[in-house]
């Protein structure tokens, strides 16, 4: 059975539309500016909901390279201070911004009833490593410093990110541990991008999905590292010690380039004494729940994440 035949049927439509619009897939656009524009247009065209009980505000924090933006999604009836969540968007370290998952953040804050702070960071190739993790570290520390004003209980703040954002979330968790920074309550690296070596079976298997393939991933890592040697903060799969990290939830699709490195991550976290919950979603490609949000599989993926957050944040169900 081919890779394409294994894709969840309800999740195929958006992928087929992408191939029609962009033969060769998203990573087939050689110019990074044009690629970013295509990604933004794709997300902007997605259906939008109404969230009348949500207050959204923009804040500024200082990163090592200058000011960055943070978008706060705060339910009007959320306990204050109460549990909070920090989110880092994806984009392969080279794309994405606060608008990339704006709709997802609105949905999540409403569903969970807690404030979510979405933080931004500089992208490669203009700003290679260590810009992104240092920006995210600064953003996470800023949230903790201003937790009360944001409606968050400093003792109950989690960190979540998807794809590159998942890798950055894990990198920041390592930095917080190593630098004796604020304590995260829990961690959700979602199909995290964590290994620059591309030596796993899945990294050779997924070559023509169109969303995030081997060639595009190798290119992105090259831009991100820009000749620097990868360490644990650049590529957390290289971390020798994963002990002392907060309870974690990880998920990845079985048709995702990152499948095997993420399975290994879950195994290593558990072996290091970190409580970890792991889900491998059959038929899911990279970020399929974002491209096919109405698919039943996508809804199951989000439901499992919400359940994990409620459990780890000790939210009333």
C-alpha atoms as a PDB file:
ATOM      1  CA  UNK A   1       0.000   0.000   0.000  1.00  0.00           C
ATOM      2  CA  UNK A   2       1.380   3.400  -0.950  1.00  0.00           C
ATOM      3  CA  UNK A   3       1.863   6.230   1.495  1.00  0.00           C
ATOM      4  CA  UNK A   4      -0.963   8.154  -0.156  1.00  0.00           C
ATOM      5  CA  UNK A   5      -3.356   5.198   0.163  1.00  0.00           C
ATOM      6  CA  UNK A   6      -2.742   5.112   3.919  1.00  0.00           C
ATOM      7  CA  UNK A   7      -3.943   8.699   4.472  1.00  0.00           C
ATOM      8  CA  UNK A   8      -7.224   9.099   6.345  1.00  0.00           C
ATOM      9  CA  UNK A   9      -9.910   9.547   3.676  1.00  0.00           C
ATOM     10  CA  UNK A  10     -11.499  12.616   5.288  1.00  0.00           C
ATOM     11  CA  UNK A  11      -8.076  14.270   5.549  1.00  0.00           C
ATOM     12  CA  UNK A  12      -7.124  13.788   1.881  1.00  0.00           C
ATOM     13  CA  UNK A  13      -9.201  16.578   0.325  1.00  0.00           C
ATOM     14  CA  UNK A  14      -7.145  19.565   1.517  1.00  0.00           C
ATOM     15  CA  UNK A  15      -3.949  17.755   0.535  1.00  0.00           C
ATOM     16  CA  UNK A  16      -5.284  17.091  -2.970  1.00  0.00           C
ATOM     17  CA  UNK A  17      -6.277  20.760  -3.250  1.00  0.00           C
ATOM     18  CA  UNK A  18      -2.781  21.790  -2.199  1.00  0.00           C
ATOM     19  CA  UNK A  19      -1.208  19.630  -4.899  1.00  0.00           C
ATOM     20  CA  UNK A  20      -3.541  21.123  -7.511  1.00  0.00           C
ATOM     21  CA  UNK A  21      -2.683  24.671  -6.459  1.00  0.00           C
ATOM     22  CA  UNK A  22       1.020  24.008  -5.865  1.00  0.00           C
ATOM     23  CA  UNK A  23       2.411  21.130  -7.941  1.00  0.00           C
ATOM     24  CA  UNK A  24       5.323  19.780  -5.965  1.00  0.00           C
ATOM     25  CA  UNK A  25       3.783  20.793  -2.658  1.00  0.00           C
ATOM     26  CA  UNK A  26       4.433  23.693  -0.330  1.00  0.00           C
ATOM     27  CA  UNK A  27       8.176  23.078  -0.161  1.00  0.00           C
ATOM     28  CA  UNK A  28       8.322  23.133  -3.956  1.00  0.00           C
ATOM     29  CA  UNK A  29       8.272  26.938  -3.833  1.00  0.00           C
ATOM     30  CA  UNK A  30      11.982  27.837  -3.891  1.00  0.00           C
ATOM     31  CA  UNK A  31      11.669  31.441  -2.722  1.00  0.00           C
ATOM     32  CA  UNK A  32      11.127  31.575   1.042  1.00  0.00           C
ATOM     33  CA  UNK A  33       9.186  34.860   0.880  1.00  0.00           C
ATOM     34  CA  UNK A  34       6.773  33.371  -1.654  1.00  0.00           C
ATOM     35  CA  UNK A  35       6.527  30.181   0.392  1.00  0.00           C
ATOM     36  CA  UNK A  36       5.602  32.175   3.486  1.00  0.00           C
ATOM     37  CA  UNK A  37       2.975  34.063   1.499  1.00  0.00           C
ATOM     38  CA  UNK A  38       1.471  30.800   0.244  1.00  0.00           C
ATOM     39  CA  UNK A  39       1.293  29.435   3.773  1.00  0.00           C
ATOM     40  CA  UNK A  40      -0.330  32.631   5.064  1.00  0.00           C
ATOM     41  CA  UNK A  41      -2.860  32.612   2.228  1.00  0.00           C
ATOM     42  CA  UNK A  42      -3.739  29.004   2.960  1.00  0.00           C
ATOM     43  CA  UNK A  43      -4.422  29.739   6.606  1.00  0.00           C
ATOM     44  CA  UNK A  44      -6.278  32.992   5.845  1.00  0.00           C
ATOM     45  CA  UNK A  45      -8.682  31.119   3.574  1.00  0.00           C
ATOM     46  CA  UNK A  46      -9.671  28.680   6.335  1.00  0.00           C
ATOM     47  CA  UNK A  47     -13.158  29.092   7.864  1.00  0.00           C
ATOM     48  CA  UNK A  48     -13.395  31.357  10.900  1.00  0.00           C
ATOM     49  CA  UNK A  49     -15.675  31.047  13.923  1.00  0.00           C
ATOM     50  CA  UNK A  50     -17.258  33.536  16.288  1.00  0.00           C
ATOM     51  CA  UNK A  51     -15.927  33.804  19.842  1.00  0.00           C
ATOM     52  CA  UNK A  52     -17.925  36.511  21.651  1.00  0.00           C
ATOM     53  CA  UNK A  53     -16.834  35.372  25.112  1.00  0.00           C
ATOM     54  CA  UNK A  54     -13.129  35.739  24.379  1.00  0.00           C
ATOM     55  CA  UNK A  55     -10.990  38.838  24.876  1.00  0.00           C
ATOM     56  CA  UNK A  56      -7.898  39.049  22.666  1.00  0.00           C
ATOM     57  CA  UNK A  57      -5.056  41.458  23.386  1.00  0.00           C
ATOM     58  CA  UNK A  58      -1.555  42.019  22.024  1.00  0.00           C
ATOM     59  CA  UNK A  59       1.460  42.553  24.254  1.00  0.00           C
ATOM     60  CA  UNK A  60       5.149  43.239  23.621  1.00  0.00           C
ATOM     61  CA  UNK A  61       8.135  41.556  25.207  1.00  0.00           C
ATOM     62  CA  UNK A  62      11.852  42.060  24.704  1.00  0.00           C
ATOM     63  CA  UNK A  63      13.879  39.330  23.061  1.00  0.00           C
ATOM     64  CA  UNK A  64      17.644  39.318  22.616  1.00  0.00           C
ATOM     65  CA  UNK A  65      17.223  40.816  19.131  1.00  0.00           C
ATOM     66  CA  UNK A  66      14.500  43.356  19.888  1.00  0.00           C
ATOM     67  CA  UNK A  67      10.801  43.554  20.662  1.00  0.00           C
ATOM     68  CA  UNK A  68       8.457  40.676  19.831  1.00  0.00           C
ATOM     69  CA  UNK A  69       4.695  40.276  20.010  1.00  0.00           C
ATOM     70  CA  UNK A  70       2.528  38.059  22.173  1.00  0.00           C
ATOM     71  CA  UNK A  71      -1.187  37.497  21.608  1.00  0.00           C
ATOM     72  CA  UNK A  72      -3.319  36.670  24.641  1.00  0.00           C
ATOM     73  CA  UNK A  73      -6.591  34.742  24.286  1.00  0.00           C
ATOM     74  CA  UNK A  74      -8.494  35.173  27.543  1.00  0.00           C
ATOM     75  CA  UNK A  75     -11.973  33.744  28.202  1.00  0.00           C
ATOM     76  CA  UNK A  76     -14.134  36.363  29.870  1.00  0.00           C
ATOM     77  CA  UNK A  77     -15.275  33.907  32.545  1.00  0.00           C
ATOM     78  CA  UNK A  78     -11.864  32.335  33.256  1.00  0.00           C
ATOM     79  CA  UNK A  79     -10.722  32.161  36.868  1.00  0.00           C
ATOM     80  CA  UNK A  80      -8.132  34.821  37.638  1.00  0.00           C
ATOM     81  CA  UNK A  81      -5.526  33.870  38.457  1.00  0.00           C
ATOM     82  CA  UNK A  82      -6.024  30.365  37.142  1.00  0.00           C
ATOM     83  CA  UNK A  83      -4.332  27.770  34.953  1.00  0.00           C
ATOM     84  CA  UNK A  84      -2.662  29.160  31.846  1.00  0.00           C
ATOM     85  CA  UNK A  85      -0.994  27.917  28.686  1.00  0.00           C
ATOM     86  CA  UNK A  86       1.818  29.303  26.527  1.00  0.00           C
ATOM     87  CA  UNK A  87       1.820  28.350  22.839  1.00  0.00           C
ATOM     88  CA  UNK A  88       4.599  28.391  20.210  1.00  0.00           C
ATOM     89  CA  UNK A  89       3.493  28.199  16.571  1.00  0.00           C
ATOM     90  CA  UNK A  90       5.141  26.029  13.948  1.00  0.00           C
ATOM     91  CA  UNK A  91       6.525  26.643  10.475  1.00  0.00           C
ATOM     92  CA  UNK A  92       9.746  24.666  10.184  1.00  0.00           C
ATOM     93  CA  UNK A  93      11.793  27.430  11.852  1.00  0.00           C
ATOM     94  CA  UNK A  94      11.401  29.379   8.584  1.00  0.00           C
ATOM     95  CA  UNK A  95       7.699  30.303   8.342  1.00  0.00           C
ATOM     96  CA  UNK A  96       4.702  31.149  10.493  1.00  0.00           C
ATOM     97  CA  UNK A  97       3.575  33.958  12.753  1.00  0.00           C
ATOM     98  CA  UNK A  98       0.913  34.715  15.352  1.00  0.00           C
ATOM     99  CA  UNK A  99      -1.790  34.474  12.683  1.00  0.00           C
ATOM    100  CA  UNK A 100      -0.781  30.953  11.647  1.00  0.00           C
ATOM    101  CA  UNK A 101      -2.849  29.256  14.339  1.00  0.00           C
ATOM    102  CA  UNK A 102      -4.984  32.142  15.496  1.00  0.00           C
ATOM    103  CA  UNK A 103      -8.210  30.225  14.923  1.00  0.00           C
ATOM    104  CA  UNK A 104      -6.860  27.190  16.792  1.00  0.00           C
ATOM    105  CA  UNK A 105      -5.933  29.370  19.763  1.00  0.00           C
ATOM    106  CA  UNK A 106      -9.415  30.902  19.841  1.00  0.00           C
ATOM    107  CA  UNK A 107     -10.958  27.441  19.798  1.00  0.00           C
ATOM    108  CA  UNK A 108      -8.582  26.069  22.442  1.00  0.00           C
ATOM    109  CA  UNK A 109      -8.982  28.965  24.880  1.00  0.00           C
ATOM    110  CA  UNK A 110     -12.757  28.709  24.556  1.00  0.00           C
ATOM    111  CA  UNK A 111     -12.840  24.918  24.917  1.00  0.00           C
ATOM    112  CA  UNK A 112     -10.479  24.844  27.903  1.00  0.00           C
ATOM    113  CA  UNK A 113     -11.704  28.022  29.588  1.00  0.00           C
ATOM    114  CA  UNK A 114      -8.154  29.212  30.300  1.00  0.00           C
ATOM    115  CA  UNK A 115      -5.976  32.057  28.975  1.00  0.00           C
ATOM    116  CA  UNK A 116      -3.496  31.150  26.250  1.00  0.00           C
ATOM    117  CA  UNK A 117      -0.470  33.301  25.429  1.00  0.00           C
ATOM    118  CA  UNK A 118       0.820  32.751  21.883  1.00  0.00           C
ATOM    119  CA  UNK A 119       4.414  33.941  21.515  1.00  0.00           C
ATOM    120  CA  UNK A 120       6.385  34.794  18.379  1.00  0.00           C
ATOM    121  CA  UNK A 121      10.033  34.397  17.440  1.00  0.00           C
ATOM    122  CA  UNK A 122      12.475  35.269  14.659  1.00  0.00           C
ATOM    123  CA  UNK A 123      12.809  32.895  11.702  1.00  0.00           C
ATOM    124  CA  UNK A 124      15.619  31.511   9.596  1.00  0.00           C
ATOM    125  CA  UNK A 125      17.246  32.054   7.166  1.00  0.00           C
ATOM    126  CA  UNK A 126      17.318  35.725   8.171  1.00  0.00           C
ATOM    127  CA  UNK A 127      17.759  34.804  11.830  1.00  0.00           C
ATOM    128  CA  UNK A 128      19.394  31.384  12.310  1.00  0.00           C
ATOM    129  CA  UNK A 129      19.939  29.485  15.550  1.00  0.00           C
ATOM    130  CA  UNK A 130      19.999  30.437  18.414  1.00  0.00           C
ATOM    131  CA  UNK A 131      17.539  33.275  17.659  1.00  0.00           C
ATOM    132  CA  UNK A 132      14.327  31.212  17.835  1.00  0.00           C
ATOM    133  CA  UNK A 133      14.826  29.352  21.150  1.00  0.00           C
ATOM    134  CA  UNK A 134      16.273  32.431  22.844  1.00  0.00           C
ATOM    135  CA  UNK A 135      13.272  34.498  21.693  1.00  0.00           C
ATOM    136  CA  UNK A 136      10.887  31.830  22.971  1.00  0.00           C
ATOM    137  CA  UNK A 137      12.757  31.563  26.265  1.00  0.00           C
ATOM    138  CA  UNK A 138      12.390  35.333  26.695  1.00  0.00           C
ATOM    139  CA  UNK A 139       8.683  35.099  25.883  1.00  0.00           C
ATOM    140  CA  UNK A 140       8.050  32.302  28.362  1.00  0.00           C
ATOM    141  CA  UNK A 141       9.917  34.169  31.107  1.00  0.00           C
ATOM    142  CA  UNK A 142       7.913  37.319  30.311  1.00  0.00           C
ATOM    143  CA  UNK A 143       4.653  35.414  30.743  1.00  0.00           C
ATOM    144  CA  UNK A 144       5.757  34.129  34.136  1.00  0.00           C
ATOM    145  CA  UNK A 145       6.847  37.622  35.198  1.00  0.00           C
ATOM    146  CA  UNK A 146       3.453  39.055  34.202  1.00  0.00           C
ATOM    147  CA  UNK A 147       1.338  36.015  35.040  1.00  0.00           C
ATOM    148  CA  UNK A 148      -1.030  37.811  37.400  1.00  0.00           C
ATOM    149  CA  UNK A 149      -1.804  40.521  34.844  1.00  0.00           C
ATOM    150  CA  UNK A 150      -2.461  37.823  32.241  1.00  0.00           C
ATOM    151  CA  UNK A 151      -4.835  35.962  34.559  1.00  0.00           C
ATOM    152  CA  UNK A 152      -2.477  33.032  35.093  1.00  0.00           C
ATOM    153  CA  UNK A 153      -1.482  31.190  38.249  1.00  0.00           C
ATOM    154  CA  UNK A 154       2.321  31.061  38.187  1.00  0.00           C
ATOM    155  CA  UNK A 155       2.235  27.543  39.659  1.00  0.00           C
ATOM    156  CA  UNK A 156       0.013  26.177  36.874  1.00  0.00           C
ATOM    157  CA  UNK A 157       1.351  27.266  33.488  1.00  0.00           C
ATOM    158  CA  UNK A 158       1.981  24.778  30.686  1.00  0.00           C
ATOM    159  CA  UNK A 159       3.923  25.085  27.441  1.00  0.00           C
ATOM    160  CA  UNK A 160       2.699  23.753  24.095  1.00  0.00           C
ATOM    161  CA  UNK A 161       3.970  23.960  20.535  1.00  0.00           C
ATOM    162  CA  UNK A 162       3.490  22.188  17.223  1.00  0.00           C
ATOM    163  CA  UNK A 163       6.111  21.056  14.707  1.00  0.00           C
ATOM    164  CA  UNK A 164       8.948  23.605  14.920  1.00  0.00           C
ATOM    165  CA  UNK A 165       7.008  25.073  17.837  1.00  0.00           C
ATOM    166  CA  UNK A 166       7.036  21.655  19.491  1.00  0.00           C
ATOM    167  CA  UNK A 167      10.790  21.443  19.103  1.00  0.00           C
ATOM    168  CA  UNK A 168      11.134  24.954  20.487  1.00  0.00           C
ATOM    169  CA  UNK A 169       8.849  24.097  23.416  1.00  0.00           C
ATOM    170  CA  UNK A 170      11.115  21.175  24.273  1.00  0.00           C
ATOM    171  CA  UNK A 171      14.226  23.340  23.838  1.00  0.00           C
ATOM    172  CA  UNK A 172      12.788  26.007  26.140  1.00  0.00           C
ATOM    173  CA  UNK A 173      11.892  23.363  28.734  1.00  0.00           C
ATOM    174  CA  UNK A 174      15.529  22.220  28.682  1.00  0.00           C
ATOM    175  CA  UNK A 175      16.723  25.828  28.964  1.00  0.00           C
ATOM    176  CA  UNK A 176      14.406  26.494  31.907  1.00  0.00           C
ATOM    177  CA  UNK A 177      15.747  23.401  33.644  1.00  0.00           C
ATOM    178  CA  UNK A 178      19.388  24.192  32.951  1.00  0.00           C
ATOM    179  CA  UNK A 179      19.116  27.900  33.793  1.00  0.00           C
ATOM    180  CA  UNK A 180      16.980  27.386  36.917  1.00  0.00           C
ATOM    181  CA  UNK A 181      14.156  29.313  35.289  1.00  0.00           C
ATOM    182  CA  UNK A 182      10.428  29.275  36.093  1.00  0.00           C
ATOM    183  CA  UNK A 183       8.845  25.854  36.566  1.00  0.00           C
ATOM    184  CA  UNK A 184       6.422  24.632  33.920  1.00  0.00           C
ATOM    185  CA  UNK A 185       3.459  22.603  35.114  1.00  0.00           C
ATOM    186  CA  UNK A 186       3.402  20.460  31.961  1.00  0.00           C
ATOM    187  CA  UNK A 187       4.679  20.257  28.386  1.00  0.00           C
ATOM    188  CA  UNK A 188       2.997  19.414  25.062  1.00  0.00           C
ATOM    189  CA  UNK A 189       5.474  19.027  22.190  1.00  0.00           C
ATOM    190  CA  UNK A 190       3.103  18.215  19.310  1.00  0.00           C
ATOM    191  CA  UNK A 191       4.750  16.287  16.439  1.00  0.00           C
ATOM    192  CA  UNK A 192       7.925  18.152  17.390  1.00  0.00           C
ATOM    193  CA  UNK A 193      10.744  18.926  14.952  1.00  0.00           C
ATOM    194  CA  UNK A 194      13.744  17.847  17.022  1.00  0.00           C
ATOM    195  CA  UNK A 195      16.366  16.005  14.942  1.00  0.00           C
ATOM    196  CA  UNK A 196      18.525  17.574  12.232  1.00  0.00           C
ATOM    197  CA  UNK A 197      20.104  14.261  11.188  1.00  0.00           C
ATOM    198  CA  UNK A 198      17.192  12.782   9.181  1.00  0.00           C
ATOM    199  CA  UNK A 199      18.435   9.257   9.838  1.00  0.00           C
ATOM    200  CA  UNK A 200      15.160   7.571  10.851  1.00  0.00           C
ATOM    201  CA  UNK A 201      13.060   5.275   8.687  1.00  0.00           C
ATOM    202  CA  UNK A 202      10.158   7.742   8.610  1.00  0.00           C
ATOM    203  CA  UNK A 203      12.440  10.566   7.495  1.00  0.00           C
ATOM    204  CA  UNK A 204      13.263   8.473   4.409  1.00  0.00           C
ATOM    205  CA  UNK A 205       9.698   7.216   3.954  1.00  0.00           C
ATOM    206  CA  UNK A 206       7.863  10.560   3.788  1.00  0.00           C
ATOM    207  CA  UNK A 207       9.157  12.187   0.622  1.00  0.00           C
ATOM    208  CA  UNK A 208       6.087  13.323  -1.324  1.00  0.00           C
ATOM    209  CA  UNK A 209       3.257  14.239   1.057  1.00  0.00           C
ATOM    210  CA  UNK A 210       3.434  17.908   0.049  1.00  0.00           C
ATOM    211  CA  UNK A 211       3.139  19.471   3.506  1.00  0.00           C
ATOM    212  CA  UNK A 212       6.504  18.682   5.077  1.00  0.00           C
ATOM    213  CA  UNK A 213       8.771  16.282   3.231  1.00  0.00           C
ATOM    214  CA  UNK A 214      12.348  15.096   3.556  1.00  0.00           C
ATOM    215  CA  UNK A 215      13.875  17.563   1.080  1.00  0.00           C
ATOM    216  CA  UNK A 216      12.068  20.543   2.578  1.00  0.00           C
ATOM    217  CA  UNK A 217      12.993  19.513   6.101  1.00  0.00           C
ATOM    218  CA  UNK A 218      16.670  19.146   5.222  1.00  0.00           C
ATOM    219  CA  UNK A 219      16.567  22.568   3.581  1.00  0.00           C
ATOM    220  CA  UNK A 220      14.902  24.160   6.620  1.00  0.00           C
ATOM    221  CA  UNK A 221      17.397  22.640   9.044  1.00  0.00           C
ATOM    222  CA  UNK A 222      20.219  23.906   6.851  1.00  0.00           C
ATOM    223  CA  UNK A 223      18.856  27.444   6.970  1.00  0.00           C
ATOM    224  CA  UNK A 224      18.177  27.201  10.692  1.00  0.00           C
ATOM    225  CA  UNK A 225      21.617  25.940  11.701  1.00  0.00           C
ATOM    226  CA  UNK A 226      23.485  28.003   9.082  1.00  0.00           C
ATOM    227  CA  UNK A 227      26.628  25.945   9.540  1.00  0.00           C
ATOM    228  CA  UNK A 228      26.497  25.854  13.332  1.00  0.00           C
ATOM    229  CA  UNK A 229      26.879  22.524  15.096  1.00  0.00           C
ATOM    230  CA  UNK A 230      23.548  21.343  16.474  1.00  0.00           C
ATOM    231  CA  UNK A 231      23.336  21.093  20.257  1.00  0.00           C
ATOM    232  CA  UNK A 232      20.485  20.099  22.562  1.00  0.00           C
ATOM    233  CA  UNK A 233      18.761  23.482  22.320  1.00  0.00           C
ATOM    234  CA  UNK A 234      18.928  23.492  18.513  1.00  0.00           C
ATOM    235  CA  UNK A 235      17.915  19.844  18.064  1.00  0.00           C
ATOM    236  CA  UNK A 236      16.520  18.437  21.332  1.00  0.00           C
ATOM    237  CA  UNK A 237      16.868  14.859  20.042  1.00  0.00           C
ATOM    238  CA  UNK A 238      20.574  15.382  20.704  1.00  0.00           C
ATOM    239  CA  UNK A 239      19.994  16.106  24.411  1.00  0.00           C
ATOM    240  CA  UNK A 240      21.816  13.519  26.493  1.00  0.00           C
ATOM    241  CA  UNK A 241      19.761  14.152  29.637  1.00  0.00           C
ATOM    242  CA  UNK A 242      15.964  14.503  29.544  1.00  0.00           C
ATOM    243  CA  UNK A 243      15.424  14.112  33.279  1.00  0.00           C
ATOM    244  CA  UNK A 244      13.764  16.852  35.260  1.00  0.00           C
ATOM    245  CA  UNK A 245      11.365  17.894  32.502  1.00  0.00           C
ATOM    246  CA  UNK A 246       7.677  18.410  33.321  1.00  0.00           C
ATOM    247  CA  UNK A 247       4.959  15.810  32.651  1.00  0.00           C
ATOM    248  CA  UNK A 248       4.515  15.639  28.891  1.00  0.00           C
ATOM    249  CA  UNK A 249       2.012  14.806  26.166  1.00  0.00           C
ATOM    250  CA  UNK A 250       3.259  14.024  22.651  1.00  0.00           C
ATOM    251  CA  UNK A 251       1.364  13.077  19.516  1.00  0.00           C
ATOM    252  CA  UNK A 252       2.349  12.460  15.903  1.00  0.00           C
ATOM    253  CA  UNK A 253       0.809  10.909  12.800  1.00  0.00           C
ATOM    254  CA  UNK A 254       2.048   7.602  11.446  1.00  0.00           C
ATOM    255  CA  UNK A 255       2.551   9.319   8.059  1.00  0.00           C
ATOM    256  CA  UNK A 256       4.603  12.166   9.500  1.00  0.00           C
ATOM    257  CA  UNK A 257       8.263  12.669   8.663  1.00  0.00           C
ATOM    258  CA  UNK A 258       8.889  13.175  12.398  1.00  0.00           C
ATOM    259  CA  UNK A 259       7.159   9.936  13.479  1.00  0.00           C
ATOM    260  CA  UNK A 260      10.196   7.926  14.505  1.00  0.00           C
ATOM    261  CA  UNK A 261      12.137  10.718  16.205  1.00  0.00           C
ATOM    262  CA  UNK A 262       9.016  11.531  18.234  1.00  0.00           C
ATOM    263  CA  UNK A 263       8.446   7.904  19.207  1.00  0.00           C
ATOM    264  CA  UNK A 264      12.054   7.792  20.400  1.00  0.00           C
ATOM    265  CA  UNK A 265      11.516  11.031  22.323  1.00  0.00           C
ATOM    266  CA  UNK A 266       8.548   9.556  24.189  1.00  0.00           C
ATOM    267  CA  UNK A 267      10.543   6.433  25.041  1.00  0.00           C
ATOM    268  CA  UNK A 268      13.522   8.453  26.264  1.00  0.00           C
ATOM    269  CA  UNK A 269      11.377  10.773  28.376  1.00  0.00           C
ATOM    270  CA  UNK A 270       9.737   7.797  30.048  1.00  0.00           C
ATOM    271  CA  UNK A 271      13.117   6.140  30.645  1.00  0.00           C
ATOM    272  CA  UNK A 272      14.314   9.406  32.227  1.00  0.00           C
ATOM    273  CA  UNK A 273      11.464   9.298  34.742  1.00  0.00           C
ATOM    274  CA  UNK A 274       9.270  11.922  33.066  1.00  0.00           C
ATOM    275  CA  UNK A 275       5.538  11.075  33.089  1.00  0.00           C
ATOM    276  CA  UNK A 276       4.588  10.979  29.406  1.00  0.00           C
ATOM    277  CA  UNK A 277       1.468  10.233  27.377  1.00  0.00           C
ATOM    278  CA  UNK A 278       1.981   9.416  23.702  1.00  0.00           C
ATOM    279  CA  UNK A 279      -0.447   9.084  20.789  1.00  0.00           C
ATOM    280  CA  UNK A 280       0.361   7.748  17.314  1.00  0.00           C
ATOM    281  CA  UNK A 281      -2.481   8.699  14.978  1.00  0.00           C
ATOM    282  CA  UNK A 282      -3.123   6.249  12.146  1.00  0.00           C
ATOM    283  CA  UNK A 283      -3.708   7.961   8.806  1.00  0.00           C
ATOM    284  CA  UNK A 284      -2.478  11.391   9.917  1.00  0.00           C
ATOM    285  CA  UNK A 285       0.141  13.293   7.948  1.00  0.00           C
ATOM    286  CA  UNK A 286       2.096  16.265   9.298  1.00  0.00           C
ATOM    287  CA  UNK A 287      -0.332  18.877  10.670  1.00  0.00           C
ATOM    288  CA  UNK A 288      -3.297  17.085   9.104  1.00  0.00           C
ATOM    289  CA  UNK A 289      -5.591  18.371  11.866  1.00  0.00           C
ATOM    290  CA  UNK A 290      -4.773  21.929  10.748  1.00  0.00           C
ATOM    291  CA  UNK A 291      -5.312  21.301   7.043  1.00  0.00           C
ATOM    292  CA  UNK A 292      -8.406  19.107   7.501  1.00  0.00           C
ATOM    293  CA  UNK A 293     -10.030  20.440  10.700  1.00  0.00           C
ATOM    294  CA  UNK A 294     -13.453  18.932   9.974  1.00  0.00           C
ATOM    295  CA  UNK A 295     -12.179  15.377   9.600  1.00  0.00           C
ATOM    296  CA  UNK A 296     -13.260  13.114  12.438  1.00  0.00           C
ATOM    297  CA  UNK A 297      -9.631  12.131  12.954  1.00  0.00           C
ATOM    298  CA  UNK A 298      -8.688  15.789  13.433  1.00  0.00           C
ATOM    299  CA  UNK A 299     -11.429  16.235  16.005  1.00  0.00           C
ATOM    300  CA  UNK A 300     -10.223  13.149  17.870  1.00  0.00           C
ATOM    301  CA  UNK A 301      -6.695  14.580  17.888  1.00  0.00           C
ATOM    302  CA  UNK A 302      -7.817  17.877  19.432  1.00  0.00           C
ATOM    303  CA  UNK A 303     -10.094  16.125  21.929  1.00  0.00           C
ATOM    304  CA  UNK A 304      -7.196  13.994  23.181  1.00  0.00           C
ATOM    305  CA  UNK A 305      -5.013  17.087  23.578  1.00  0.00           C
ATOM    306  CA  UNK A 306      -7.700  18.929  25.511  1.00  0.00           C
ATOM    307  CA  UNK A 307      -8.182  15.928  27.780  1.00  0.00           C
ATOM    308  CA  UNK A 308      -4.443  15.794  28.458  1.00  0.00           C
ATOM    309  CA  UNK A 309      -4.302  19.509  29.280  1.00  0.00           C
ATOM    310  CA  UNK A 310      -7.288  19.221  31.613  1.00  0.00           C
ATOM    311  CA  UNK A 311      -5.641  16.318  33.392  1.00  0.00           C
ATOM    312  CA  UNK A 312      -2.183  17.855  33.717  1.00  0.00           C
ATOM    313  CA  UNK A 313      -3.510  21.305  34.637  1.00  0.00           C
ATOM    314  CA  UNK A 314      -5.963  19.714  37.073  1.00  0.00           C
ATOM    315  CA  UNK A 315      -8.923  21.434  35.450  1.00  0.00           C
ATOM    316  CA  UNK A 316     -12.427  20.499  36.498  1.00  0.00           C
ATOM    317  CA  UNK A 317     -14.035  18.290  33.849  1.00  0.00           C
END
